[in-house]
Amino acid sequence: MTCRVAIIGAGGYTGVELLRLLCRHPGVEITCVTSLEDLGKEITRVFPSLPKRLASLRLENLDVSKVVEAADLIFTALPHKAVMDIAPQFIAAGRKVIDLSADFRLKDVAVYERWYSRHSAPDLVKEAVYGLPELYREQIRSARLLANPGCYPTSAILALTPLLRNHLVDVKSIVIDSKSGTSGAGRALKTGSLFCEVNEGVKAYGVGTHRHIPEIEQVLSDQAGEPLTVCFTPHLMPVNRGILSTSYARLLKPCSSAELHELFAAFYRDEPFVRVLPEGELPNVSAVRGGNFCDIGVVSETRTGRAIIVSAIDNLVKGAAGQAVQNMNIMEGFEEDQALQVVPLFP
């Protein structure tokens, strides 16, 4: 079985990551790539690191009817607001959509409109499945519209879910400190992402206002079985890729680091892309670079009575394109790790 796929927004960092992974997938044929930039250019001229066998792909303007004719499944790697206008057309034509924007992640349209903008496809929001396989695998199998999670939420949700599922922490005490590489800001030219602005510095941004906050709260509330709010602060690091999140929560009863480690190891025992590190070890973003893994380290700080969970992902892979491919594999009946085994970055 071959799945024909299109990538809408192939000219960005997430788009090229999708190409890097999908070109190795034996069950996938990439039939269409679109972008607003570099129209008509061979994709291998725009991204020379891609293999020559993709040279026949040229970046095209978006033509919905052409995409529908060419593809069975469509990845939309566009900014928010852009996908909600085209996804209904793809779904109406019987195509599956994996959306890497935020347009269908939040189940409450009013919440989306408070943090983003007016939503033009509210009926589809109800149908969209949140694509975090470790938590929603069964729903993903039958999805037509898949809302791929954000990068920061992926790192924080995987870190905190075992604690919340087991009612081990005070839900009012959660603090998440996250640091991301500059590719998280996208490929568009922005002053704050320029080398001289980022190099040799680390800074906080979006304090209390980052748009991933409601997404984190939505999913963690679902896992806790009660509404919760979190204190989330993102930071920008002078590295190309990677997210390191340190999550803090007050334990409701004494629990040693060894007990926490046993809990996490059991919770993620059968998950191919979550690696709970040996007790006493903590993650490093360099260890997940280019891979679809989330590495987790756990500590019980008995002096303060807090659980401290450190998680690391590659924001472009498990935080975006790799997770999207993982979701595609589940939706299409492929092996879940197809094309996602340890994949080195192209030179």
Protein backbone atom coordinates (compact mmCIF):
# COMPACT_ATOMS: atom_id res chain seq x y z
CA MET A 1 0.00 0.00 0.00
CA THR A 2 1.32 3.43 -0.96
CA CYS A 3 0.05 6.62 0.62
CA ARG A 4 0.34 9.70 -1.60
CA VAL A 5 1.11 12.77 0.48
CA ALA A 6 1.26 16.51 -0.08
CA ILE A 7 3.09 19.02 2.09
CA ILE A 8 1.50 22.46 2.22
CA GLY A 9 4.11 24.92 3.44
CA ALA A 10 7.12 22.87 2.42
CA GLY A 11 9.43 25.89 2.37
CA GLY A 12 9.74 26.18 6.15
CA TYR A 13 11.82 24.32 8.72
CA THR A 14 8.97 21.95 9.55
CA GLY A 15 8.34 21.33 5.85
CA VAL A 16 11.92 20.29 5.17
CA GLU A 17 11.87 18.03 8.24
CA LEU A 18 8.79 16.31 6.83
CA LEU A 19 10.64 15.80 3.56
CA ARG A 20 13.74 14.50 5.36
CA LEU A 21 11.68 11.86 7.16
CA LEU A 22 9.12 10.96 4.50
CA CYS A 23 11.68 10.41 1.75
CA ARG A 24 12.85 7.39 3.74
CA HIS A 25 9.34 5.94 4.15
CA PRO A 26 8.77 2.93 1.87
CA GLY A 27 4.99 3.33 2.04
CA VAL A 28 4.87 7.01 1.07
CA GLU A 29 5.00 8.85 -2.24
CA ILE A 30 5.48 12.60 -1.96
CA THR A 31 3.44 14.01 -4.83
CA CYS A 32 3.07 17.73 -4.16
CA VAL A 33 4.92 20.46 -2.23
CA THR A 34 3.68 24.03 -1.96
CA SER A 35 5.14 27.27 -0.66
CA LEU A 36 4.69 31.00 -0.97
CA GLU A 37 8.45 31.37 -1.49
CA ASP A 38 10.81 30.03 -4.18
CA LEU A 39 7.96 29.13 -6.52
CA GLY A 40 8.98 26.86 -9.37
CA LYS A 41 12.30 25.92 -7.80
CA GLU A 42 13.36 22.33 -7.29
CA ILE A 43 13.07 21.47 -3.61
CA THR A 44 16.65 20.20 -3.65
CA ARG A 45 17.84 23.63 -4.81
CA VAL A 46 16.09 25.31 -1.91
CA PHE A 47 17.28 22.67 0.58
CA PRO A 48 20.48 21.13 -0.84
CA SER A 49 20.70 18.68 2.08
CA LEU A 50 17.74 16.71 0.68
CA PRO A 51 18.57 13.65 -1.43
CA LYS A 52 18.73 14.02 -5.21
CA ARG A 53 15.82 11.63 -5.71
CA LEU A 54 13.51 14.46 -4.60
CA ALA A 55 14.78 16.75 -7.39
CA SER A 56 11.62 16.22 -9.43
CA LEU A 57 9.58 18.03 -6.75
CA ARG A 58 9.13 21.74 -7.42
CA LEU A 59 7.58 24.22 -5.03
CA GLU A 60 4.15 25.19 -6.31
CA ASN A 61 1.49 27.69 -5.41
CA LEU A 62 -1.37 26.18 -3.45
CA ASP A 63 -4.13 24.88 -5.72
CA VAL A 64 -6.64 22.98 -3.58
CA SER A 65 -8.12 21.00 -6.46
CA LYS A 66 -4.66 19.93 -7.64
CA VAL A 67 -3.63 18.87 -4.14
CA VAL A 68 -6.83 16.85 -3.72
CA GLU A 69 -6.18 15.07 -7.00
CA ALA A 70 -2.54 14.35 -6.16
CA ALA A 71 -2.69 13.26 -2.52
CA ASP A 72 -4.52 10.94 -0.13
CA LEU A 73 -3.15 12.61 2.99
CA ILE A 74 -2.13 16.24 3.37
CA PHE A 75 0.31 17.77 5.85
CA THR A 76 -0.41 21.44 6.46
CA ALA A 77 2.68 23.22 7.82
CA LEU A 78 1.28 26.75 7.77
CA PRO A 79 0.81 29.50 10.37
CA HIS A 80 -2.42 29.63 12.35
CA LYS A 81 -5.47 31.07 10.53
CA ALA A 82 -4.28 29.73 7.16
CA VAL A 83 -5.32 26.11 7.64
CA MET A 84 -8.86 26.66 8.92
CA ASP A 85 -9.80 28.09 5.51
CA ILE A 86 -8.50 25.16 3.43
CA ALA A 87 -8.90 22.13 5.71
CA PRO A 88 -12.70 21.95 5.19
CA GLN A 89 -12.13 21.65 1.44
CA PHE A 90 -9.67 18.79 1.87
CA ILE A 91 -11.95 16.96 4.32
CA ALA A 92 -14.99 17.44 2.07
CA ALA A 93 -13.03 15.83 -0.76
CA GLY A 94 -12.39 12.76 1.39
CA ARG A 95 -8.74 13.49 2.15
CA LYS A 96 -7.06 13.15 5.54
CA VAL A 97 -5.33 16.18 7.03
CA ILE A 98 -2.52 16.37 9.57
CA ASP A 99 -2.35 20.01 10.63
CA LEU A 100 0.83 21.29 12.27
CA SER A 101 -0.64 24.71 13.07
CA ALA A 102 -2.68 25.56 16.17
CA ASP A 103 -6.00 25.91 14.32
CA PHE A 104 -7.59 22.68 15.55
CA ARG A 105 -5.76 21.92 18.80
CA LEU A 106 -8.07 23.78 21.19
CA LYS A 107 -11.47 22.14 21.65
CA ASP A 108 -13.15 25.29 22.94
CA VAL A 109 -13.51 27.73 20.04
CA ALA A 110 -13.94 30.64 22.45
CA VAL A 111 -10.57 29.83 24.02
CA TYR A 112 -8.95 29.66 20.58
CA GLU A 113 -10.42 33.03 19.65
CA ARG A 114 -9.24 34.56 22.93
CA TRP A 115 -5.62 33.50 22.31
CA TYR A 116 -5.43 33.52 18.50
CA SER A 117 -8.14 34.93 16.21
CA ARG A 118 -11.67 34.35 14.95
CA HIS A 119 -12.20 30.74 13.84
CA SER A 120 -13.80 30.15 10.44
CA ALA A 121 -14.31 26.37 10.75
CA PRO A 122 -15.70 25.77 14.26
CA ASP A 123 -17.60 22.64 13.24
CA LEU A 124 -14.36 20.88 12.32
CA VAL A 125 -12.85 21.69 15.72
CA LYS A 126 -15.20 19.14 17.30
CA GLU A 127 -13.97 16.40 14.98
CA ALA A 128 -10.23 17.09 15.21
CA VAL A 129 -8.19 14.59 17.22
CA TYR A 130 -5.27 15.86 19.31
CA GLY A 131 -2.25 13.98 17.99
CA LEU A 132 -0.17 12.99 20.99
CA PRO A 133 0.13 9.23 20.39
CA GLU A 134 1.23 8.34 23.91
CA LEU A 135 -2.14 9.58 25.21
CA TYR A 136 -4.61 9.42 22.32
CA ARG A 137 -3.42 6.58 20.09
CA GLU A 138 -6.81 4.88 19.69
CA GLN A 139 -8.58 8.10 18.66
CA ILE A 140 -5.78 8.85 16.20
CA ARG A 141 -6.32 5.57 14.32
CA SER A 142 -9.68 6.70 12.92
CA ALA A 143 -8.96 10.43 12.58
CA ARG A 144 -9.69 12.38 9.40
CA LEU A 145 -8.40 15.64 10.85
CA LEU A 146 -5.38 15.41 13.14
CA ALA A 147 -4.24 18.38 15.22
CA ASN A 148 -0.50 17.87 15.67
CA PRO A 149 0.60 19.14 19.11
CA GLY A 150 2.80 22.14 19.68
CA CYS A 151 6.45 21.66 20.57
CA TYR A 152 6.41 23.16 24.08
CA PRO A 153 3.18 21.30 24.98
CA THR A 154 4.64 17.97 23.84
CA SER A 155 7.63 18.35 26.16
CA ALA A 156 5.55 19.48 29.14
CA ILE A 157 2.58 17.13 28.77
CA LEU A 158 4.71 14.00 28.51
CA ALA A 159 6.67 15.13 31.57
CA LEU A 160 3.65 15.75 33.80
CA THR A 161 1.03 13.20 32.72
CA PRO A 162 2.25 10.25 34.84
CA LEU A 163 2.07 12.43 37.96
CA LEU A 164 -1.41 13.73 37.15
CA ARG A 165 -2.83 10.36 36.12
CA ASN A 166 -1.73 8.97 39.49
CA HIS A 167 -2.92 12.04 41.47
CA LEU A 168 0.50 12.53 43.03
CA VAL A 169 0.79 16.32 42.79
CA ASP A 170 -1.11 19.47 43.69
CA VAL A 171 -2.62 20.64 40.39
CA LYS A 172 -2.40 24.26 41.57
CA SER A 173 1.38 24.08 41.96
CA ILE A 174 2.58 23.33 38.42
CA VAL A 175 5.39 25.48 37.05
CA ILE A 176 6.95 24.79 33.63
CA ASP A 177 10.24 26.40 32.59
CA SER A 178 11.06 25.71 28.92
CA LYS A 179 13.94 26.65 26.65
CA SER A 180 13.87 26.36 22.87
CA GLY A 181 16.27 26.63 19.98
CA THR A 182 15.74 29.41 17.44
CA SER A 183 14.20 27.19 14.74
CA GLY A 184 11.06 27.24 16.89
CA ALA A 185 10.47 30.78 15.65
CA GLY A 186 10.25 29.59 12.03
CA ARG A 187 12.23 30.41 8.91
CA ALA A 188 10.79 33.86 8.25
CA LEU A 189 13.09 36.84 8.78
CA LYS A 190 12.58 38.28 12.27
CA THR A 191 14.89 40.64 14.11
CA GLY A 192 14.68 38.65 17.34
CA SER A 193 15.89 35.51 15.57
CA LEU A 194 18.94 37.03 13.88
CA PHE A 195 22.29 35.49 14.81
CA CYS A 196 23.63 38.62 16.50
CA GLU A 197 20.44 38.96 18.53
CA VAL A 198 20.45 35.36 19.76
CA ASN A 199 24.10 34.34 19.97
CA GLU A 200 25.66 34.26 23.46
CA GLY A 201 22.38 35.04 25.18
CA VAL A 202 19.35 33.39 26.76
CA LYS A 203 16.14 35.34 27.29
CA ALA A 204 12.58 34.78 28.42
CA TYR A 205 9.68 35.82 26.19
CA GLY A 206 5.90 35.55 26.13
CA VAL A 207 5.82 35.38 29.92
CA GLY A 208 2.24 34.58 30.93
CA THR A 209 1.02 35.21 27.38
CA HIS A 210 2.47 32.42 25.22
CA ARG A 211 -0.18 30.82 23.01
CA HIS A 212 0.82 27.30 24.03
CA ILE A 213 -0.50 27.91 27.56
CA PRO A 214 -4.16 27.00 26.83
CA GLU A 215 -3.05 23.91 24.90
CA ILE A 216 -0.95 22.69 27.82
CA GLU A 217 -3.77 23.39 30.26
CA GLN A 218 -6.38 21.68 28.09
CA VAL A 219 -4.50 18.39 27.84
CA LEU A 220 -3.18 18.34 31.40
CA SER A 221 -6.69 19.04 32.69
CA ASP A 222 -7.89 16.05 30.68
CA GLN A 223 -5.18 13.88 32.23
CA ALA A 224 -5.84 15.15 35.76
CA GLY A 225 -9.60 14.81 35.46
CA GLU A 226 -10.11 18.36 36.70
CA PRO A 227 -9.43 21.89 35.41
CA LEU A 228 -6.00 23.27 36.15
CA THR A 229 -3.83 26.23 35.31
CA VAL A 230 -0.06 26.29 34.90
CA CYS A 231 2.68 28.86 35.18
CA PHE A 232 4.61 28.57 31.91
CA THR A 233 7.68 30.57 30.91
CA PRO A 234 9.47 29.96 27.58
CA HIS A 235 13.04 31.02 26.85
CA LEU A 236 15.10 31.33 23.69
CA MET A 237 18.46 29.52 23.56
CA PRO A 238 21.29 30.18 21.08
CA VAL A 239 21.03 26.71 19.49
CA ASN A 240 19.41 25.66 16.22
CA ARG A 241 17.03 23.05 17.54
CA GLY A 242 15.85 21.41 20.73
CA ILE A 243 13.61 22.06 23.72
CA LEU A 244 14.50 21.47 27.34
CA SER A 245 11.59 21.74 29.78
CA THR A 246 11.86 21.58 33.56
CA SER A 247 8.49 21.01 35.22
CA TYR A 248 7.88 21.46 38.94
CA ALA A 249 4.92 20.29 41.05
CA ARG A 250 4.33 19.86 44.78
CA LEU A 251 3.96 16.22 45.80
CA LEU A 252 0.85 15.34 47.81
CA LYS A 253 2.74 12.63 49.70
CA PRO A 254 6.40 11.79 50.22
CA CYS A 255 7.89 10.03 47.20
CA SER A 256 11.53 9.22 46.54
CA SER A 257 13.36 9.71 43.26
CA ALA A 258 13.52 5.94 42.92
CA GLU A 259 9.74 5.66 43.31
CA LEU A 260 9.14 8.41 40.76
CA HIS A 261 11.52 6.73 38.34
CA GLU A 262 9.70 3.42 38.74
CA LEU A 263 6.37 5.15 38.06
CA PHE A 264 7.60 6.86 34.88
CA ALA A 265 9.42 3.77 33.60
CA ALA A 266 6.25 1.71 33.98
CA PHE A 267 4.02 4.38 32.44
CA TYR A 268 6.13 4.68 29.29
CA ARG A 269 7.43 1.10 29.13
CA ASP A 270 5.73 0.33 25.79
CA GLU A 271 6.19 3.73 24.16
CA PRO A 272 8.75 3.62 21.33
CA PHE A 273 9.64 7.30 21.48
CA VAL A 274 9.71 8.13 25.19
CA ARG A 275 12.97 7.27 26.93
CA VAL A 276 12.95 7.47 30.72
CA LEU A 277 16.60 7.88 31.60
CA PRO A 278 18.25 5.83 34.37
CA GLU A 279 17.79 7.20 37.86
CA GLY A 280 20.20 10.07 38.47
CA GLU A 281 20.53 11.01 34.79
CA LEU A 282 18.95 14.09 33.21
CA PRO A 283 18.27 14.86 29.53
CA ASN A 284 20.35 16.93 27.15
CA VAL A 285 18.94 18.39 23.93
CA SER A 286 22.00 17.18 22.05
CA ALA A 287 20.93 13.58 22.67
CA VAL A 288 17.58 13.98 20.87
CA ARG A 289 18.79 16.12 17.96
CA GLY A 290 17.29 14.82 14.72
CA GLY A 291 15.31 12.05 16.42
CA ASN A 292 11.67 11.60 17.40
CA PHE A 293 12.45 10.91 21.06
CA CYS A 294 11.34 12.59 24.26
CA ASP A 295 13.95 11.95 26.94
CA ILE A 296 12.77 12.28 30.55
CA GLY A 297 14.66 12.51 33.84
CA VAL A 298 12.91 12.55 37.23
CA VAL A 299 13.95 13.87 40.64
CA SER A 300 12.16 14.07 43.96
CA GLU A 301 13.40 17.11 45.84
CA THR A 302 12.59 15.95 49.35
CA ARG A 303 13.75 19.22 50.92
CA THR A 304 10.91 21.15 49.24
CA GLY A 305 8.50 18.29 48.64
CA ARG A 306 8.50 18.82 44.88
CA ALA A 307 8.74 16.53 41.88
CA ILE A 308 11.09 17.94 39.24
CA ILE A 309 10.75 16.46 35.77
CA VAL A 310 13.20 17.37 33.00
CA SER A 311 12.25 16.54 29.40
CA ALA A 312 14.06 17.09 26.11
CA ILE A 313 12.81 16.89 22.53
CA ASP A 314 13.89 18.10 19.12
CA ASN A 315 11.32 20.82 18.48
CA LEU A 316 11.31 20.11 14.74
CA VAL A 317 10.89 16.34 15.10
CA LYS A 318 8.96 15.08 18.15
CA GLY A 319 7.81 18.68 18.51
CA ALA A 320 6.50 18.88 14.93
CA ALA A 321 7.37 16.84 11.81
CA GLY A 322 8.40 13.57 13.47
CA GLN A 323 5.26 13.48 15.57
CA ALA A 324 3.24 14.20 12.43
CA VAL A 325 4.84 11.22 10.68
CA GLN A 326 4.23 9.09 13.78
CA ASN A 327 0.56 10.10 13.60
CA MET A 328 0.41 9.36 9.88
CA ASN A 329 1.80 5.88 10.53
CA ILE A 330 -0.96 5.21 13.06
CA MET A 331 -3.69 6.63 10.80
CA GLU A 332 -2.54 4.67 7.76
CA GLY A 333 -1.78 1.38 9.51
CA PHE A 334 2.00 1.48 9.07
CA GLU A 335 4.40 0.41 11.78
CA GLU A 336 4.44 3.34 14.20
CA ASP A 337 8.20 3.83 13.98
CA GLN A 338 8.36 3.61 10.17
CA ALA A 339 10.85 6.22 8.88
CA LEU A 340 11.43 7.31 12.49
CA GLN A 341 14.05 4.84 13.57
CA VAL A 342 17.25 6.65 14.54
CA VAL A 343 17.49 9.03 11.60
CA PRO A 344 20.70 11.05 11.26
CA LEU A 345 20.45 14.62 10.07
CA PHE A 346 21.70 15.18 6.56
CA PRO A 347 25.17 16.75 6.49
